[in-house]
Protein backbone atom coordinates (compact mmCIF):
# COMPACT_ATOMS: atom_id res chain seq x y z
CA MET A 1 -5.11 0.40 -9.08
CA ASN A 2 -1.34 0.49 -8.61
CA TYR A 3 1.55 2.01 -10.58
CA LEU A 4 1.66 -0.37 -13.54
CA ALA A 5 -2.07 -0.18 -14.17
CA HIS A 6 -2.16 3.60 -13.86
CA ALA A 7 0.70 3.87 -16.36
CA TYR A 8 -1.03 1.55 -18.82
CA LEU A 9 -4.34 3.42 -18.49
CA SER A 10 -2.64 6.69 -19.49
CA GLY A 11 -2.54 5.56 -23.14
CA ASN A 12 0.26 7.13 -25.11
CA ASP A 13 -0.17 10.54 -23.48
CA THR A 14 3.01 11.71 -21.75
CA GLY A 15 1.30 14.32 -19.57
CA LEU A 16 -1.34 11.85 -18.44
CA LEU A 17 1.38 9.32 -17.61
CA VAL A 18 3.34 11.75 -15.47
CA GLY A 19 0.24 13.04 -13.65
CA ASN A 20 -1.07 9.52 -13.13
CA PHE A 21 2.29 8.44 -11.74
CA ILE A 22 2.72 11.28 -9.22
CA ALA A 23 -0.94 11.67 -8.22
CA ASP A 24 -0.80 9.84 -4.87
CA GLY A 25 1.73 12.42 -3.68
CA VAL A 26 -0.44 15.41 -4.64
CA ARG A 27 -2.92 16.56 -2.05
CA GLY A 28 -6.11 18.59 -2.51
CA ASN A 29 -5.80 21.94 -4.27
CA LYS A 30 -2.02 21.54 -4.78
CA ILE A 31 -3.05 20.19 -8.20
CA ALA A 32 -3.17 23.82 -9.31
CA HIS A 33 0.64 24.05 -9.16
CA PHE A 34 1.14 21.68 -12.12
CA PRO A 35 0.93 22.22 -15.88
CA GLU A 36 -2.41 21.41 -17.41
CA GLU A 37 -1.29 18.15 -19.06
CA VAL A 38 -0.02 16.86 -15.69
CA ARG A 39 -3.14 18.06 -13.91
CA ARG A 40 -5.20 16.00 -16.36
CA GLY A 41 -3.19 12.93 -15.40
CA ILE A 42 -3.75 13.60 -11.70
CA LYS A 43 -7.46 14.01 -12.28
CA LEU A 44 -7.58 10.81 -14.39
CA HIS A 45 -5.78 8.96 -11.57
CA ARG A 46 -8.46 10.04 -9.10
CA LEU A 47 -11.24 9.00 -11.48
CA ILE A 48 -9.62 5.59 -11.92
CA ASP A 49 -9.39 5.15 -8.15
CA SER A 50 -13.06 6.07 -7.67
CA PHE A 51 -14.21 3.75 -10.48
CA THR A 52 -12.15 0.92 -9.03
CA ASP A 53 -13.29 1.43 -5.45
CA GLU A 54 -16.95 1.55 -6.43
CA HIS A 55 -17.00 -1.42 -8.80
CA PRO A 56 -19.03 -4.38 -7.44
CA VAL A 57 -16.54 -6.99 -8.66
CA ASN A 58 -13.81 -5.36 -6.57
CA ALA A 59 -16.00 -5.20 -3.47
CA GLU A 60 -16.27 -8.98 -3.69
CA MET A 61 -12.49 -9.38 -4.29
CA ARG A 62 -11.62 -7.11 -1.36
CA SER A 63 -13.72 -9.13 1.04
CA MET A 64 -11.26 -12.02 1.06
CA PHE A 65 -8.54 -9.72 2.42
CA TYR A 66 -10.43 -8.16 5.30
CA PRO A 67 -9.47 -10.87 7.86
CA THR A 68 -5.74 -10.23 7.33
CA ALA A 69 -5.50 -6.67 5.99
CA GLY A 70 -8.57 -4.98 7.48
CA LYS A 71 -9.10 -1.48 6.09
CA TYR A 72 -6.07 -1.97 3.82
CA ALA A 73 -7.82 -4.75 1.84
CA GLY A 74 -8.16 -2.36 -1.11
CA VAL A 75 -4.42 -1.61 -1.06
CA VAL A 76 -3.68 -5.34 -1.30
CA LEU A 77 -6.09 -5.73 -4.23
CA ASP A 78 -4.60 -2.76 -6.06
CA VAL A 79 -1.08 -4.21 -5.79
CA PHE A 80 -2.24 -7.67 -6.78
CA TYR A 81 -4.06 -6.29 -9.80
CA ASP A 82 -0.69 -5.03 -11.04
CA HIS A 83 0.54 -8.61 -10.83
CA LEU A 84 -2.46 -9.81 -12.82
CA LEU A 85 -1.99 -7.08 -15.42
CA ALA A 86 1.61 -8.16 -15.83
CA ASP A 87 0.51 -11.79 -16.00
CA ASN A 88 -2.07 -11.03 -18.70
CA TRP A 89 0.00 -8.35 -20.45
CA ALA A 90 -0.10 -9.92 -23.92
CA HIS A 91 -3.90 -9.83 -23.73
CA PHE A 92 -3.89 -6.05 -23.35
CA SER A 93 -0.85 -4.82 -25.30
CA PRO A 94 1.18 -5.81 -28.37
CA GLU A 95 4.21 -4.10 -26.81
CA SER A 96 6.42 -6.16 -24.50
CA LEU A 97 6.08 -5.46 -20.80
CA GLU A 98 9.86 -4.83 -20.65
CA ASP A 99 9.68 -2.11 -23.35
CA PHE A 100 6.63 -0.53 -21.84
CA VAL A 101 8.18 -0.34 -18.38
CA GLU A 102 11.41 1.15 -19.64
CA HIS A 103 9.50 3.78 -21.62
CA CYS A 104 7.56 4.70 -18.49
CA TYR A 105 10.69 5.15 -16.45
CA GLN A 106 12.24 7.38 -19.12
CA VAL A 107 9.18 9.57 -19.55
CA VAL A 108 8.61 9.97 -15.80
CA GLU A 109 12.25 10.75 -15.07
CA LEU A 110 12.30 13.51 -17.65
CA SER A 111 9.53 15.24 -15.65
CA LYS A 112 11.12 14.91 -12.22
CA GLU A 113 10.91 18.69 -11.74
CA TRP A 114 7.21 18.03 -11.01
CA PHE A 115 7.80 15.23 -8.48
CA PRO A 116 6.14 15.80 -5.10
CA GLU A 117 8.35 14.85 -2.16
CA ARG A 118 6.91 11.36 -1.88
CA THR A 119 7.63 10.56 -5.54
CA ALA A 120 11.12 12.10 -5.45
CA TYR A 121 12.02 9.81 -2.55
CA MET A 122 10.46 6.65 -4.02
CA PHE A 123 11.26 6.82 -7.74
CA PRO A 124 15.02 6.09 -7.63
CA TYR A 125 14.28 2.88 -5.70
CA MET A 126 11.48 1.95 -8.07
CA ARG A 127 13.74 2.26 -11.09
CA GLN A 128 16.85 0.73 -9.47
CA PHE A 129 14.93 -2.39 -8.38
CA ASN A 130 12.55 -2.34 -11.36
CA TRP A 131 9.36 -2.54 -9.36
CA LEU A 132 7.08 -2.23 -12.39
CA LEU A 133 8.59 -5.26 -14.16
CA ASN A 134 8.94 -7.26 -10.96
CA TYR A 135 5.22 -7.01 -10.23
CA ARG A 136 4.93 -10.00 -12.56
CA LEU A 137 6.75 -12.11 -9.93
CA GLU A 138 5.29 -13.37 -6.65
CA GLU A 139 8.40 -12.21 -4.82
CA GLY A 140 7.99 -8.75 -6.32
CA ILE A 141 4.43 -8.46 -5.03
CA MET A 142 5.37 -9.81 -1.60
CA ARG A 143 8.28 -7.37 -1.37
CA SER A 144 5.98 -4.50 -2.29
CA LEU A 145 3.40 -5.55 0.33
CA GLY A 146 6.11 -5.94 2.95
CA GLY A 147 7.40 -2.43 2.21
CA LEU A 148 3.92 -1.02 2.48
CA SER A 149 3.38 -2.80 5.79
CA ARG A 150 6.54 -1.21 7.21
CA ARG A 151 5.47 2.28 6.12
CA ILE A 152 1.91 2.07 7.53
CA THR A 153 1.35 2.87 11.20
CA GLY A 154 0.59 -0.32 13.08
CA ASN A 155 2.40 -2.53 10.55
CA PRO A 156 -0.67 -4.37 9.14
CA GLU A 157 -0.08 -7.91 7.92
CA LEU A 158 -0.22 -7.13 4.23
CA GLU A 159 2.11 -9.99 3.37
CA ALA A 160 -0.36 -12.40 4.94
CA ALA A 161 -3.03 -10.95 2.72
CA GLY A 162 -0.66 -11.41 -0.22
CA ARG A 163 -0.45 -15.11 0.54
CA VAL A 164 -4.25 -15.21 0.51
CA ALA A 165 -4.19 -13.48 -2.87
CA PHE A 166 -1.86 -16.02 -4.44
CA ALA A 167 -3.79 -18.92 -2.90
CA ASN A 168 -6.92 -17.56 -4.62
CA LYS A 169 -5.25 -16.25 -7.77
CA HIS A 170 -7.57 -18.04 -10.21
CA VAL A 171 -10.66 -16.47 -8.56
CA ILE A 172 -9.19 -12.97 -8.41
CA ASN A 173 -7.92 -13.27 -11.98
CA ALA A 174 -11.45 -14.03 -13.17
CA GLY A 175 -12.68 -10.90 -11.40
CA PHE A 176 -9.83 -8.86 -12.84
CA MET A 177 -10.52 -10.01 -16.39
CA GLU A 178 -14.19 -8.99 -15.97
CA PHE A 179 -13.39 -5.62 -14.38
CA PHE A 180 -10.27 -4.36 -16.20
CA PRO A 181 -11.72 -4.12 -19.73
CA GLN A 182 -14.52 -1.99 -18.25
CA LEU A 183 -11.91 0.24 -16.66
CA ILE A 184 -10.05 0.55 -19.95
CA ASN A 185 -13.27 1.64 -21.69
CA PHE A 186 -13.95 4.15 -18.91
CA CYS A 187 -10.47 5.64 -19.26
CA GLU A 188 -10.69 5.80 -23.05
CA GLN A 189 -13.85 7.85 -22.67
CA LYS A 190 -12.37 10.11 -19.98
CA ARG A 191 -9.18 10.74 -21.97
CA THR A 192 -11.33 12.27 -24.79
CA GLU A 193 -13.38 14.49 -22.47
CA PRO A 194 -12.32 17.86 -21.05
CA LEU A 195 -11.38 17.22 -17.45
CA THR A 196 -12.41 19.77 -14.85
CA PHE A 197 -9.91 20.59 -12.11
CA SER A 198 -11.16 20.79 -8.56
């Protein structure tokens, strides 16, 4: 899952939101350097990624991106799922997407002392150009995939995979609507359990 989904899956827990948001920039045992509430968010982020990667629906969805994105097919699906979450937002939340996104930015910025280098570099651009809200737009998704392509060695054709995603949006949306409620239930369970830190 990508930034918008990870934020949503944090519930109303500030520490989980911050940890979930910064987790991709935290490697291995460096998790120990963070406060417990942020560590819980980092751990939840990793559990979400594992659940998503192992889900059979997503294996089927990823397969349509292999010809254009290769080993980055999962990255394309993660980004596109943020678009589908934004598209279906009213189904999952009574709060407006605009209000939710602004709240996320405010909460995360207040915890910038915990930003790893990657997040510290990226966050000002995310907020300035409102990535989270713009995931609802095709141009926002294509811009995100283009930026990822430029940052990955070998410049994979992720934008080409994005065009495949939009051409097959109805199929992928059906998969998303089957998968995402299961992920929500999984996260609700994990948020109530003590999380071990490894």
